Amino acid sequence: MRIKVLLFAAYREAVGASTAEIEVPEGTAAGDVWHWLVKGFPALQKLQPPSTVAVNDAVCALGRVLTAGDKVALLAPVSGGAPFELVTEPIRVDEVLQSVRHAGAGAVVLFLGTVRDNSRGRAVDHLEYEAYESLAVKEMAGIAEQAAARWGARLAIVHRTGSLAIGEISVAVAASAPHRREAFEAGRFAVDTLKLTVPIWKKEIWQGGEEWIGGEEGGPATP
């Protein structure tokens, strides 16, 4: 099927046009448009993938399935920034890493929080995450600003919401800096502060019961 892609800033310059019409397979998700666009315009490979996707002038989830004739806008991270977002689809770890990499980064650290099968002596069936989205994203950006000021680090933070099965990634935090010490310290700071200040709540579900977790551990939720 054929869709129309709107291009801005560095993407527009790399393609040489403000729009591009491309063919994608039926069932393509909004988050996969970048893959098909890069295949047609290799100059985009040197740029960071989009942090946000809009379909028909409305920001949407990366998993939204497209239909023929859709108008898709790929929005690059602003001012060289990295993504701070909540997603309902599996976290794209490669994109999180790529968003913090740059020529001056001699070290890149990645933390993944995953859903474990037990907690406090109970066999966990799955977890559910809920967030105050607009405030959560604002707090994530604030954490990144502090990390940049203290360690010269660039951060990306992406957290899942909704229902997560055992083994799935609940949160990805990537930190890059000129040297490994700064990258490790910035990454740890981001993970620890995320637990304390970002309004994301976790519910544990096990056979015969469920419970919201977090307050007794010092923050809204723990990954």
C-alpha atoms as a PDB file:
ATOM      1  CA  MET A   1       0.000   0.000   0.000  1.00  0.00           C
ATOM      2  CA  ARG A   2       1.103   3.587  -0.536  1.00  0.00           C
ATOM      3  CA  ILE A   3       1.476   6.189   2.219  1.00  0.00           C
ATOM      4  CA  LYS A   4       2.709   9.778   2.354  1.00  0.00           C
ATOM      5  CA  VAL A   5       5.557  10.689   4.725  1.00  0.00           C
ATOM      6  CA  LEU A   6       6.068  14.275   5.917  1.00  0.00           C
ATOM      7  CA  LEU A   7       9.702  15.265   6.519  1.00  0.00           C
ATOM      8  CA  PHE A   8      11.170  18.098   8.554  1.00  0.00           C
ATOM      9  CA  ALA A   9      14.578  19.569   9.431  1.00  0.00           C
ATOM     10  CA  ALA A  10      17.451  17.067   8.996  1.00  0.00           C
ATOM     11  CA  TYR A  11      15.135  14.405   7.555  1.00  0.00           C
ATOM     12  CA  ARG A  12      13.920  16.815   4.868  1.00  0.00           C
ATOM     13  CA  GLU A  13      17.475  17.782   3.954  1.00  0.00           C
ATOM     14  CA  ALA A  14      18.642  14.154   3.767  1.00  0.00           C
ATOM     15  CA  VAL A  15      15.771  13.170   1.466  1.00  0.00           C
ATOM     16  CA  GLY A  16      15.842  16.421  -0.504  1.00  0.00           C
ATOM     17  CA  ALA A  17      12.098  16.962  -0.236  1.00  0.00           C
ATOM     18  CA  SER A  18       9.495  17.791   2.395  1.00  0.00           C
ATOM     19  CA  THR A  19       7.334  14.793   1.500  1.00  0.00           C
ATOM     20  CA  ALA A  20       7.884  11.298   0.166  1.00  0.00           C
ATOM     21  CA  GLU A  21       5.409   8.720  -1.035  1.00  0.00           C
ATOM     22  CA  ILE A  22       6.517   5.165  -0.310  1.00  0.00           C
ATOM     23  CA  GLU A  23       5.159   1.653  -0.619  1.00  0.00           C
ATOM     24  CA  VAL A  24       4.875  -0.374   2.585  1.00  0.00           C
ATOM     25  CA  PRO A  25       3.354  -3.812   3.232  1.00  0.00           C
ATOM     26  CA  GLU A  26      -0.215  -4.181   4.445  1.00  0.00           C
ATOM     27  CA  GLY A  27      -0.280  -4.199   8.235  1.00  0.00           C
ATOM     28  CA  THR A  28       2.752  -1.912   8.627  1.00  0.00           C
ATOM     29  CA  ALA A  29       2.853  -0.112  11.992  1.00  0.00           C
ATOM     30  CA  ALA A  30       3.592   3.597  12.344  1.00  0.00           C
ATOM     31  CA  GLY A  31       6.828   2.828  14.163  1.00  0.00           C
ATOM     32  CA  ASP A  32       8.083   0.739  11.226  1.00  0.00           C
ATOM     33  CA  VAL A  33       7.840   3.501   8.620  1.00  0.00           C
ATOM     34  CA  TRP A  34      11.380   4.653   9.408  1.00  0.00           C
ATOM     35  CA  HIS A  35      12.724   1.237   8.370  1.00  0.00           C
ATOM     36  CA  TRP A  36      11.034   1.424   4.972  1.00  0.00           C
ATOM     37  CA  LEU A  37      11.966   5.064   4.455  1.00  0.00           C
ATOM     38  CA  VAL A  38      15.656   4.404   5.140  1.00  0.00           C
ATOM     39  CA  LYS A  39      15.626   1.595   2.575  1.00  0.00           C
ATOM     40  CA  GLY A  40      14.557   4.093  -0.057  1.00  0.00           C
ATOM     41  CA  PHE A  41      16.734   6.964   1.171  1.00  0.00           C
ATOM     42  CA  PRO A  42      20.042   5.609   2.569  1.00  0.00           C
ATOM     43  CA  ALA A  43      21.234   9.119   3.512  1.00  0.00           C
ATOM     44  CA  LEU A  44      18.898   8.865   6.525  1.00  0.00           C
ATOM     45  CA  GLN A  45      21.049   6.128   8.073  1.00  0.00           C
ATOM     46  CA  LYS A  46      23.379   8.680   9.661  1.00  0.00           C
ATOM     47  CA  LEU A  47      20.511  10.372  11.518  1.00  0.00           C
ATOM     48  CA  GLN A  48      18.752   9.453  14.750  1.00  0.00           C
ATOM     49  CA  PRO A  49      15.433   7.609  14.319  1.00  0.00           C
ATOM     50  CA  PRO A  50      12.263   9.584  15.093  1.00  0.00           C
ATOM     51  CA  SER A  51      11.257  10.007  18.733  1.00  0.00           C
ATOM     52  CA  THR A  52       7.583  10.560  17.871  1.00  0.00           C
ATOM     53  CA  VAL A  53       5.280   9.570  15.021  1.00  0.00           C
ATOM     54  CA  ALA A  54       2.076  11.353  14.002  1.00  0.00           C
ATOM     55  CA  VAL A  55      -0.547   9.900  11.662  1.00  0.00           C
ATOM     56  CA  ASN A  56      -3.006  12.200   9.925  1.00  0.00           C
ATOM     57  CA  ASP A  57      -1.908  15.119  12.141  1.00  0.00           C
ATOM     58  CA  ALA A  58      -2.317  13.284  15.458  1.00  0.00           C
ATOM     59  CA  VAL A  59       0.497  11.836  17.577  1.00  0.00           C
ATOM     60  CA  CYS A  60      -0.026   8.087  17.887  1.00  0.00           C
ATOM     61  CA  ALA A  61       1.418   4.916  19.385  1.00  0.00           C
ATOM     62  CA  LEU A  62       4.217   3.302  17.403  1.00  0.00           C
ATOM     63  CA  GLY A  63       2.121   0.148  17.108  1.00  0.00           C
ATOM     64  CA  ARG A  64      -0.768   1.811  15.289  1.00  0.00           C
ATOM     65  CA  VAL A  65      -1.468  -0.073  12.062  1.00  0.00           C
ATOM     66  CA  LEU A  66      -1.513   2.117   8.978  1.00  0.00           C
ATOM     67  CA  THR A  67      -3.953   2.106   6.083  1.00  0.00           C
ATOM     68  CA  ALA A  68      -3.422   3.132   2.470  1.00  0.00           C
ATOM     69  CA  GLY A  69      -3.307   6.885   2.000  1.00  0.00           C
ATOM     70  CA  ASP A  70      -2.289   7.697   5.581  1.00  0.00           C
ATOM     71  CA  LYS A  71      -0.163  10.806   6.114  1.00  0.00           C
ATOM     72  CA  VAL A  72       2.723   9.983   8.458  1.00  0.00           C
ATOM     73  CA  ALA A  73       5.012  12.570  10.079  1.00  0.00           C
ATOM     74  CA  LEU A  74       8.326  11.357  11.488  1.00  0.00           C
ATOM     75  CA  LEU A  75       9.452  13.752  14.210  1.00  0.00           C
ATOM     76  CA  ALA A  76      13.156  13.734  15.019  1.00  0.00           C
ATOM     77  CA  PRO A  77      14.351  14.322  18.604  1.00  0.00           C
ATOM     78  CA  VAL A  78      14.370  18.074  19.221  1.00  0.00           C
ATOM     79  CA  SER A  79      17.739  19.860  19.538  1.00  0.00           C
ATOM     80  CA  GLY A  80      19.695  16.643  19.464  1.00  0.00           C
ATOM     81  CA  GLY A  81      17.774  15.299  22.447  1.00  0.00           C
ATOM     82  CA  ALA A  82      16.923  11.714  23.264  1.00  0.00           C
ATOM     83  CA  PRO A  83      13.498  10.126  23.795  1.00  0.00           C
ATOM     84  CA  PHE A  84      11.627  10.318  27.092  1.00  0.00           C
ATOM     85  CA  GLU A  85       8.422   8.435  26.580  1.00  0.00           C
ATOM     86  CA  LEU A  86       5.871   5.915  27.731  1.00  0.00           C
ATOM     87  CA  VAL A  87       4.957   3.148  25.307  1.00  0.00           C
ATOM     88  CA  THR A  88       2.439   0.335  25.237  1.00  0.00           C
ATOM     89  CA  GLU A  89       4.376  -1.739  22.708  1.00  0.00           C
ATOM     90  CA  PRO A  90       7.653  -3.613  23.362  1.00  0.00           C
ATOM     91  CA  ILE A  91      10.556  -1.209  23.869  1.00  0.00           C
ATOM     92  CA  ARG A  92      12.851  -0.924  20.851  1.00  0.00           C
ATOM     93  CA  VAL A  93      16.184  -1.203  22.633  1.00  0.00           C
ATOM     94  CA  ASP A  94      18.294  -0.533  19.529  1.00  0.00           C
ATOM     95  CA  GLU A  95      16.506   2.783  19.007  1.00  0.00           C
ATOM     96  CA  VAL A  96      17.016   3.775  22.645  1.00  0.00           C
ATOM     97  CA  LEU A  97      20.752   3.118  22.331  1.00  0.00           C
ATOM     98  CA  GLN A  98      21.040   4.905  18.994  1.00  0.00           C
ATOM     99  CA  SER A  99      19.334   7.994  20.382  1.00  0.00           C
ATOM    100  CA  VAL A 100      22.162   8.682  22.858  1.00  0.00           C
ATOM    101  CA  ARG A 101      25.116   7.781  20.665  1.00  0.00           C
ATOM    102  CA  HIS A 102      27.188  10.626  19.203  1.00  0.00           C
ATOM    103  CA  ALA A 103      30.734  11.332  18.087  1.00  0.00           C
ATOM    104  CA  GLY A 104      31.840  12.607  21.502  1.00  0.00           C
ATOM    105  CA  ALA A 105      30.492   9.628  23.458  1.00  0.00           C
ATOM    106  CA  GLY A 106      33.316   7.299  24.442  1.00  0.00           C
ATOM    107  CA  ALA A 107      31.004   5.224  26.638  1.00  0.00           C
ATOM    108  CA  VAL A 108      27.385   4.112  26.385  1.00  0.00           C
ATOM    109  CA  VAL A 109      25.627   2.338  29.264  1.00  0.00           C
ATOM    110  CA  LEU A 110      22.287   0.520  28.988  1.00  0.00           C
ATOM    111  CA  PHE A 111      19.985  -0.560  31.842  1.00  0.00           C
ATOM    112  CA  LEU A 112      16.993  -2.816  31.210  1.00  0.00           C
ATOM    113  CA  GLY A 113      14.401  -3.493  33.879  1.00  0.00           C
ATOM    114  CA  THR A 114      12.627  -6.790  33.221  1.00  0.00           C
ATOM    115  CA  VAL A 115       9.612  -8.515  34.744  1.00  0.00           C
ATOM    116  CA  ARG A 116      10.737 -11.307  37.083  1.00  0.00           C
ATOM    117  CA  ASP A 117       8.676 -14.357  37.997  1.00  0.00           C
ATOM    118  CA  ASN A 118       8.765 -13.896  41.780  1.00  0.00           C
ATOM    119  CA  SER A 119       8.527 -11.184  44.409  1.00  0.00           C
ATOM    120  CA  ARG A 120       8.448 -11.394  48.193  1.00  0.00           C
ATOM    121  CA  GLY A 121       7.941 -15.144  48.167  1.00  0.00           C
ATOM    122  CA  ARG A 122       5.097 -15.062  45.634  1.00  0.00           C
ATOM    123  CA  ALA A 123       5.067 -16.474  42.117  1.00  0.00           C
ATOM    124  CA  VAL A 124       4.237 -13.478  39.917  1.00  0.00           C
ATOM    125  CA  ASP A 125       1.972 -14.093  36.919  1.00  0.00           C
ATOM    126  CA  HIS A 126       2.366 -10.662  35.276  1.00  0.00           C
ATOM    127  CA  LEU A 127       2.664  -6.945  36.036  1.00  0.00           C
ATOM    128  CA  GLU A 128       0.555  -3.943  35.142  1.00  0.00           C
ATOM    129  CA  TYR A 129       1.960  -0.404  34.895  1.00  0.00           C
ATOM    130  CA  GLU A 130      -0.019   2.825  35.012  1.00  0.00           C
ATOM    131  CA  ALA A 131       1.312   6.374  34.644  1.00  0.00           C
ATOM    132  CA  TYR A 132       0.401  10.039  34.722  1.00  0.00           C
ATOM    133  CA  GLU A 133       1.809  10.396  31.214  1.00  0.00           C
ATOM    134  CA  SER A 134       2.344  14.117  30.722  1.00  0.00           C
ATOM    135  CA  LEU A 135       3.954  14.581  34.140  1.00  0.00           C
ATOM    136  CA  ALA A 136       6.021  11.393  33.799  1.00  0.00           C
ATOM    137  CA  VAL A 137       7.576  12.568  30.535  1.00  0.00           C
ATOM    138  CA  LYS A 138       8.310  15.977  32.065  1.00  0.00           C
ATOM    139  CA  GLU A 139      10.042  14.340  35.041  1.00  0.00           C
ATOM    140  CA  MET A 140      12.106  12.125  32.723  1.00  0.00           C
ATOM    141  CA  ALA A 141      13.306  15.171  30.837  1.00  0.00           C
ATOM    142  CA  GLY A 142      14.203  16.809  34.151  1.00  0.00           C
ATOM    143  CA  ILE A 143      16.329  13.811  35.121  1.00  0.00           C
ATOM    144  CA  ALA A 144      18.154  14.104  31.797  1.00  0.00           C
ATOM    145  CA  GLU A 145      18.830  17.800  32.379  1.00  0.00           C
ATOM    146  CA  GLN A 146      20.414  17.023  35.746  1.00  0.00           C
ATOM    147  CA  ALA A 147      22.555  14.256  34.249  1.00  0.00           C
ATOM    148  CA  ALA A 148      23.754  16.585  31.506  1.00  0.00           C
ATOM    149  CA  ALA A 149      24.699  19.259  34.040  1.00  0.00           C
ATOM    150  CA  ARG A 150      26.502  16.895  36.436  1.00  0.00           C
ATOM    151  CA  TRP A 151      28.231  14.453  34.085  1.00  0.00           C
ATOM    152  CA  GLY A 152      27.915  15.862  30.582  1.00  0.00           C
ATOM    153  CA  ALA A 153      25.773  12.819  29.797  1.00  0.00           C
ATOM    154  CA  ARG A 154      22.986  12.280  27.298  1.00  0.00           C
ATOM    155  CA  LEU A 155      20.061  10.162  28.498  1.00  0.00           C
ATOM    156  CA  ALA A 156      17.158   8.258  27.017  1.00  0.00           C
ATOM    157  CA  ILE A 157      14.376   6.823  29.175  1.00  0.00           C
ATOM    158  CA  VAL A 158      11.535   4.701  27.803  1.00  0.00           C
ATOM    159  CA  HIS A 159       9.013   2.949  30.080  1.00  0.00           C
ATOM    160  CA  ARG A 160       6.261   0.468  29.227  1.00  0.00           C
ATOM    161  CA  THR A 161       2.727   0.796  30.504  1.00  0.00           C
ATOM    162  CA  GLY A 162      -0.111  -1.698  30.438  1.00  0.00           C
ATOM    163  CA  SER A 163       0.172  -5.444  31.024  1.00  0.00           C
ATOM    164  CA  LEU A 164       3.637  -7.052  30.857  1.00  0.00           C
ATOM    165  CA  ALA A 165       4.452 -10.767  30.885  1.00  0.00           C
ATOM    166  CA  ILE A 166       7.356 -12.411  32.682  1.00  0.00           C
ATOM    167  CA  GLY A 167      10.640 -11.605  30.946  1.00  0.00           C
ATOM    168  CA  GLU A 168       9.393  -8.497  29.136  1.00  0.00           C
ATOM    169  CA  ILE A 169      11.316  -5.222  29.383  1.00  0.00           C
ATOM    170  CA  SER A 170       9.534  -2.683  31.562  1.00  0.00           C
ATOM    171  CA  VAL A 171      12.050   0.160  31.281  1.00  0.00           C
ATOM    172  CA  ALA A 172      15.131   1.028  29.244  1.00  0.00           C
ATOM    173  CA  VAL A 173      17.602   3.699  30.333  1.00  0.00           C
ATOM    174  CA  ALA A 174      20.595   4.547  28.150  1.00  0.00           C
ATOM    175  CA  ALA A 175      23.342   6.988  29.102  1.00  0.00           C
ATOM    176  CA  SER A 176      26.279   8.195  27.014  1.00  0.00           C
ATOM    177  CA  ALA A 177      29.219  10.314  28.127  1.00  0.00           C
ATOM    178  CA  PRO A 178      32.810  10.981  27.118  1.00  0.00           C
ATOM    179  CA  HIS A 179      34.112   8.434  29.686  1.00  0.00           C
ATOM    180  CA  ARG A 180      32.785   5.264  31.321  1.00  0.00           C
ATOM    181  CA  ARG A 181      32.658   6.621  34.896  1.00  0.00           C
ATOM    182  CA  GLU A 182      30.359   9.481  33.893  1.00  0.00           C
ATOM    183  CA  ALA A 183      28.180   7.163  31.805  1.00  0.00           C
ATOM    184  CA  PHE A 184      27.772   4.645  34.643  1.00  0.00           C
ATOM    185  CA  GLU A 185      27.058   7.320  37.251  1.00  0.00           C
ATOM    186  CA  ALA A 186      24.546   9.113  35.033  1.00  0.00           C
ATOM    187  CA  GLY A 187      22.785   5.844  34.258  1.00  0.00           C
ATOM    188  CA  ARG A 188      22.530   4.818  37.887  1.00  0.00           C
ATOM    189  CA  PHE A 189      21.331   8.283  38.874  1.00  0.00           C
ATOM    190  CA  ALA A 190      18.621   8.096  36.211  1.00  0.00           C
ATOM    191  CA  VAL A 191      17.367   4.671  37.304  1.00  0.00           C
ATOM    192  CA  ASP A 192      17.328   5.543  41.010  1.00  0.00           C
ATOM    193  CA  THR A 193      15.684   8.937  40.471  1.00  0.00           C
ATOM    194  CA  LEU A 194      13.115   7.445  38.113  1.00  0.00           C
ATOM    195  CA  LYS A 195      11.855   5.279  40.983  1.00  0.00           C
ATOM    196  CA  LEU A 196      11.543   8.253  43.299  1.00  0.00           C
ATOM    197  CA  THR A 197      10.083  11.054  41.202  1.00  0.00           C
ATOM    198  CA  VAL A 198       8.362   9.748  38.070  1.00  0.00           C
ATOM    199  CA  PRO A 199       4.623   8.994  38.548  1.00  0.00           C
ATOM    200  CA  ILE A 200       4.527   5.403  37.301  1.00  0.00           C
ATOM    201  CA  TRP A 201       2.783   2.732  39.386  1.00  0.00           C
ATOM    202  CA  LYS A 202       3.208  -1.033  39.291  1.00  0.00           C
ATOM    203  CA  LYS A 203       0.694  -3.734  40.188  1.00  0.00           C
ATOM    204  CA  GLU A 204       1.836  -7.311  40.839  1.00  0.00           C
ATOM    205  CA  ILE A 205      -0.630 -10.022  39.891  1.00  0.00           C
ATOM    206  CA  TRP A 206      -0.214 -13.546  41.218  1.00  0.00           C
ATOM    207  CA  GLN A 207      -2.496 -16.561  41.527  1.00  0.00           C
ATOM    208  CA  GLY A 208      -5.216 -15.571  43.932  1.00  0.00           C
ATOM    209  CA  GLY A 209      -4.313 -11.942  44.433  1.00  0.00           C
ATOM    210  CA  GLU A 210      -2.870  -8.629  43.282  1.00  0.00           C
ATOM    211  CA  GLU A 211      -1.260  -5.571  44.872  1.00  0.00           C
ATOM    212  CA  TRP A 212       0.017  -2.124  43.879  1.00  0.00           C
ATOM    213  CA  ILE A 213       3.731  -1.958  44.702  1.00  0.00           C
ATOM    214  CA  GLY A 214       6.084   0.965  45.197  1.00  0.00           C
ATOM    215  CA  GLY A 215       5.283   3.250  48.081  1.00  0.00           C
ATOM    216  CA  GLU A 216       7.069   1.180  50.699  1.00  0.00           C
ATOM    217  CA  GLU A 217      10.169   1.053  48.475  1.00  0.00           C
ATOM    218  CA  GLY A 218      10.539   4.825  48.397  1.00  0.00           C
ATOM    219  CA  GLY A 219       8.838   5.824  45.144  1.00  0.00           C
ATOM    220  CA  PRO A 220       5.807   5.568  42.888  1.00  0.00           C
ATOM    221  CA  ALA A 221       6.997   2.276  41.386  1.00  0.00           C
ATOM    222  CA  THR A 222      10.010   0.085  40.866  1.00  0.00           C
ATOM    223  CA  PRO A 223      10.925  -1.572  37.544  1.00  0.00           C
END
